[in-house]
C-alpha cells in the first residue's frame, strides 16, 4: 500500500517535469521566432493598455486637440493615471514655485 506522502511526492515530481518540459519548449519556440518574448514586462497586458487609452480619450477631447501640446498631454495623462500620489495642495505648491521662478526671470 502506497502512503499519502509518496503519492504527493510523485505528483510533485510529475509537476516539476511538466514545468521543465514547458520551459524547454518555450525556449525552443523563442529561438525559432524572430520576435522577442516580452512576457516578462510588467503591465504589458491589453487590459492595462486599454485603460491607458481610456484615460487619454478623456483628456484629448475634440476641443483640446488643436490647442494642446504633446508635453501638456503627456503631463496631464501622467497626473491622471497617478492621481493617488498627489492632491490639490501639491498642485498649489507647484504653481507657486512656477510663479516664483517666472518672477526671478522678469
C-alpha atoms as a PDB file:
ATOM      1  CA  UNK A   1       0.000   0.000   0.000  1.00  0.00           C
ATOM      2  CA  UNK A   2       1.362   3.440  -1.007  1.00  0.00           C
ATOM      3  CA  UNK A   3       1.399   6.115   1.669  1.00  0.00           C
ATOM      4  CA  UNK A   4      -0.152   9.575   1.125  1.00  0.00           C
ATOM      5  CA  UNK A   5       3.261  11.301   1.241  1.00  0.00           C
ATOM      6  CA  UNK A   6       4.577   9.069  -1.524  1.00  0.00           C
ATOM      7  CA  UNK A   7       1.627   9.978  -3.761  1.00  0.00           C
ATOM      8  CA  UNK A   8       2.202  13.673  -3.132  1.00  0.00           C
ATOM      9  CA  UNK A   9       5.899  13.289  -3.930  1.00  0.00           C
ATOM     10  CA  UNK A  10       5.135  11.563  -7.239  1.00  0.00           C
ATOM     11  CA  UNK A  11       2.653  14.268  -8.198  1.00  0.00           C
ATOM     12  CA  UNK A  12       5.197  16.921  -7.297  1.00  0.00           C
ATOM     13  CA  UNK A  13       7.840  15.230  -9.429  1.00  0.00           C
ATOM     14  CA  UNK A  14       5.412  14.956 -12.344  1.00  0.00           C
ATOM     15  CA  UNK A  15       4.531  18.645 -11.970  1.00  0.00           C
ATOM     16  CA  UNK A  16       8.196  19.648 -11.938  1.00  0.00           C
ATOM     17  CA  UNK A  17       8.909  17.553 -15.022  1.00  0.00           C
ATOM     18  CA  UNK A  18       5.936  19.132 -16.763  1.00  0.00           C
ATOM     19  CA  UNK A  19       7.220  22.637 -15.904  1.00  0.00           C
ATOM     20  CA  UNK A  20      10.704  21.760 -17.139  1.00  0.00           C
ATOM     21  CA  UNK A  21       9.252  20.445 -20.410  1.00  0.00           C
ATOM     22  CA  UNK A  22       7.229  23.638 -20.844  1.00  0.00           C
ATOM     23  CA  UNK A  23      10.314  25.770 -20.203  1.00  0.00           C
ATOM     24  CA  UNK A  24      12.337  23.814 -22.747  1.00  0.00           C
ATOM     25  CA  UNK A  25       9.527  24.048 -25.305  1.00  0.00           C
ATOM     26  CA  UNK A  26       9.197  27.810 -24.708  1.00  0.00           C
ATOM     27  CA  UNK A  27      12.964  28.231 -25.132  1.00  0.00           C
ATOM     28  CA  UNK A  28      12.890  26.357 -28.431  1.00  0.00           C
ATOM     29  CA  UNK A  29       9.972  28.466 -29.655  1.00  0.00           C
ATOM     30  CA  UNK A  30      11.840  31.607 -28.616  1.00  0.00           C
ATOM     31  CA  UNK A  31      14.924  30.606 -30.624  1.00  0.00           C
ATOM     32  CA  UNK A  32      12.772  29.811 -33.672  1.00  0.00           C
ATOM     33  CA  UNK A  33      10.955  33.159 -33.538  1.00  0.00           C
ATOM     34  CA  UNK A  34      12.174  36.439 -34.961  1.00  0.00           C
ATOM     35  CA  UNK A  35      10.336  38.284 -32.154  1.00  0.00           C
ATOM     36  CA  UNK A  36      11.456  38.813 -28.562  1.00  0.00           C
ATOM     37  CA  UNK A  37       9.214  37.383 -25.853  1.00  0.00           C
ATOM     38  CA  UNK A  38       8.129  40.439 -23.861  1.00  0.00           C
ATOM     39  CA  UNK A  39       6.002  38.484 -21.387  1.00  0.00           C
ATOM     40  CA  UNK A  40       8.366  39.488 -18.585  1.00  0.00           C
ATOM     41  CA  UNK A  41       7.432  43.187 -18.889  1.00  0.00           C
ATOM     42  CA  UNK A  42       5.059  44.208 -16.131  1.00  0.00           C
ATOM     43  CA  UNK A  43       1.887  45.836 -17.346  1.00  0.00           C
ATOM     44  CA  UNK A  44       2.128  44.662 -20.924  1.00  0.00           C
ATOM     45  CA  UNK A  45      -1.362  43.199 -20.946  1.00  0.00           C
ATOM     46  CA  UNK A  46      -4.038  44.525 -23.273  1.00  0.00           C
ATOM     47  CA  UNK A  47      -6.162  45.483 -20.253  1.00  0.00           C
ATOM     48  CA  UNK A  48      -3.545  47.940 -18.993  1.00  0.00           C
ATOM     49  CA  UNK A  49      -3.111  49.484 -22.437  1.00  0.00           C
ATOM     50  CA  UNK A  50      -6.879  49.798 -22.924  1.00  0.00           C
ATOM     51  CA  UNK A  51      -7.182  51.558 -19.548  1.00  0.00           C
ATOM     52  CA  UNK A  52      -4.437  54.000 -20.551  1.00  0.00           C
ATOM     53  CA  UNK A  53      -6.171  54.753 -23.872  1.00  0.00           C
ATOM     54  CA  UNK A  54      -9.415  55.326 -21.986  1.00  0.00           C
ATOM     55  CA  UNK A  55      -7.722  57.929 -19.766  1.00  0.00           C
ATOM     56  CA  UNK A  56      -6.172  59.546 -22.837  1.00  0.00           C
ATOM     57  CA  UNK A  57      -9.563  59.738 -24.572  1.00  0.00           C
ATOM     58  CA  UNK A  58     -10.958  61.788 -21.684  1.00  0.00           C
ATOM     59  CA  UNK A  59      -8.026  64.207 -21.763  1.00  0.00           C
ATOM     60  CA  UNK A  60      -7.723  64.649 -25.509  1.00  0.00           C
ATOM     61  CA  UNK A  61     -11.222  65.844 -26.397  1.00  0.00           C
ATOM     62  CA  UNK A  62     -12.182  67.449 -29.703  1.00  0.00           C
ATOM     63  CA  UNK A  63     -11.964  70.930 -28.150  1.00  0.00           C
ATOM     64  CA  UNK A  64      -8.399  70.347 -26.918  1.00  0.00           C
ATOM     65  CA  UNK A  65      -6.837  68.536 -29.882  1.00  0.00           C
ATOM     66  CA  UNK A  66      -5.657  71.639 -31.709  1.00  0.00           C
ATOM     67  CA  UNK A  67      -4.584  73.619 -28.651  1.00  0.00           C
ATOM     68  CA  UNK A  68      -2.737  71.060 -26.537  1.00  0.00           C
ATOM     69  CA  UNK A  69       0.990  70.487 -26.926  1.00  0.00           C
ATOM     70  CA  UNK A  70       2.310  66.921 -26.708  1.00  0.00           C
ATOM     71  CA  UNK A  71       4.132  67.844 -23.482  1.00  0.00           C
ATOM     72  CA  UNK A  72       0.921  69.113 -21.874  1.00  0.00           C
ATOM     73  CA  UNK A  73      -0.938  65.967 -22.992  1.00  0.00           C
ATOM     74  CA  UNK A  74       1.743  63.677 -21.533  1.00  0.00           C
ATOM     75  CA  UNK A  75       1.788  65.681 -18.305  1.00  0.00           C
ATOM     76  CA  UNK A  76      -1.988  65.540 -17.876  1.00  0.00           C
ATOM     77  CA  UNK A  77      -2.086  61.830 -18.688  1.00  0.00           C
ATOM     78  CA  UNK A  78       0.707  61.147 -16.196  1.00  0.00           C
ATOM     79  CA  UNK A  79      -1.086  63.111 -13.485  1.00  0.00           C
ATOM     80  CA  UNK A  80      -4.440  61.450 -14.205  1.00  0.00           C
ATOM     81  CA  UNK A  81      -3.024  57.923 -14.091  1.00  0.00           C
ATOM     82  CA  UNK A  82      -1.068  58.681 -10.883  1.00  0.00           C
ATOM     83  CA  UNK A  83      -3.762  60.613  -9.005  1.00  0.00           C
ATOM     84  CA  UNK A  84      -3.169  58.605  -5.833  1.00  0.00           C
ATOM     85  CA  UNK A  85       0.283  60.217  -5.449  1.00  0.00           C
ATOM     86  CA  UNK A  86      -0.778  63.890  -5.413  1.00  0.00           C
ATOM     87  CA  UNK A  87      -3.521  66.210  -4.224  1.00  0.00           C
ATOM     88  CA  UNK A  88      -4.603  69.851  -4.596  1.00  0.00           C
ATOM     89  CA  UNK A  89      -2.002  71.045  -2.091  1.00  0.00           C
ATOM     90  CA  UNK A  90       0.762  69.654  -4.316  1.00  0.00           C
ATOM     91  CA  UNK A  91      -0.673  71.489  -7.329  1.00  0.00           C
ATOM     92  CA  UNK A  92      -0.828  74.787  -5.398  1.00  0.00           C
ATOM     93  CA  UNK A  93       2.773  74.330  -4.207  1.00  0.00           C
ATOM     94  CA  UNK A  94       3.986  73.554  -7.749  1.00  0.00           C
ATOM     95  CA  UNK A  95       2.117  76.549  -9.171  1.00  0.00           C
ATOM     96  CA  UNK A  96       3.592  78.851  -6.507  1.00  0.00           C
ATOM     97  CA  UNK A  97       7.074  77.572  -7.332  1.00  0.00           C
ATOM     98  CA  UNK A  98       6.411  78.133 -11.038  1.00  0.00           C
ATOM     99  CA  UNK A  99       5.242  81.688 -10.421  1.00  0.00           C
ATOM    100  CA  UNK A 100       8.243  82.415  -8.198  1.00  0.00           C
ATOM    101  CA  UNK A 101      10.553  81.116 -10.959  1.00  0.00           C
ATOM    102  CA  UNK A 102       8.852  83.340 -13.528  1.00  0.00           C
ATOM    103  CA  UNK A 103       9.246  86.401 -11.278  1.00  0.00           C
ATOM    104  CA  UNK A 104      13.006  85.777 -10.986  1.00  0.00           C
ATOM    105  CA  UNK A 105      13.358  85.781 -14.785  1.00  0.00           C
ATOM    106  CA  UNK A 106      11.384  89.058 -15.218  1.00  0.00           C
END
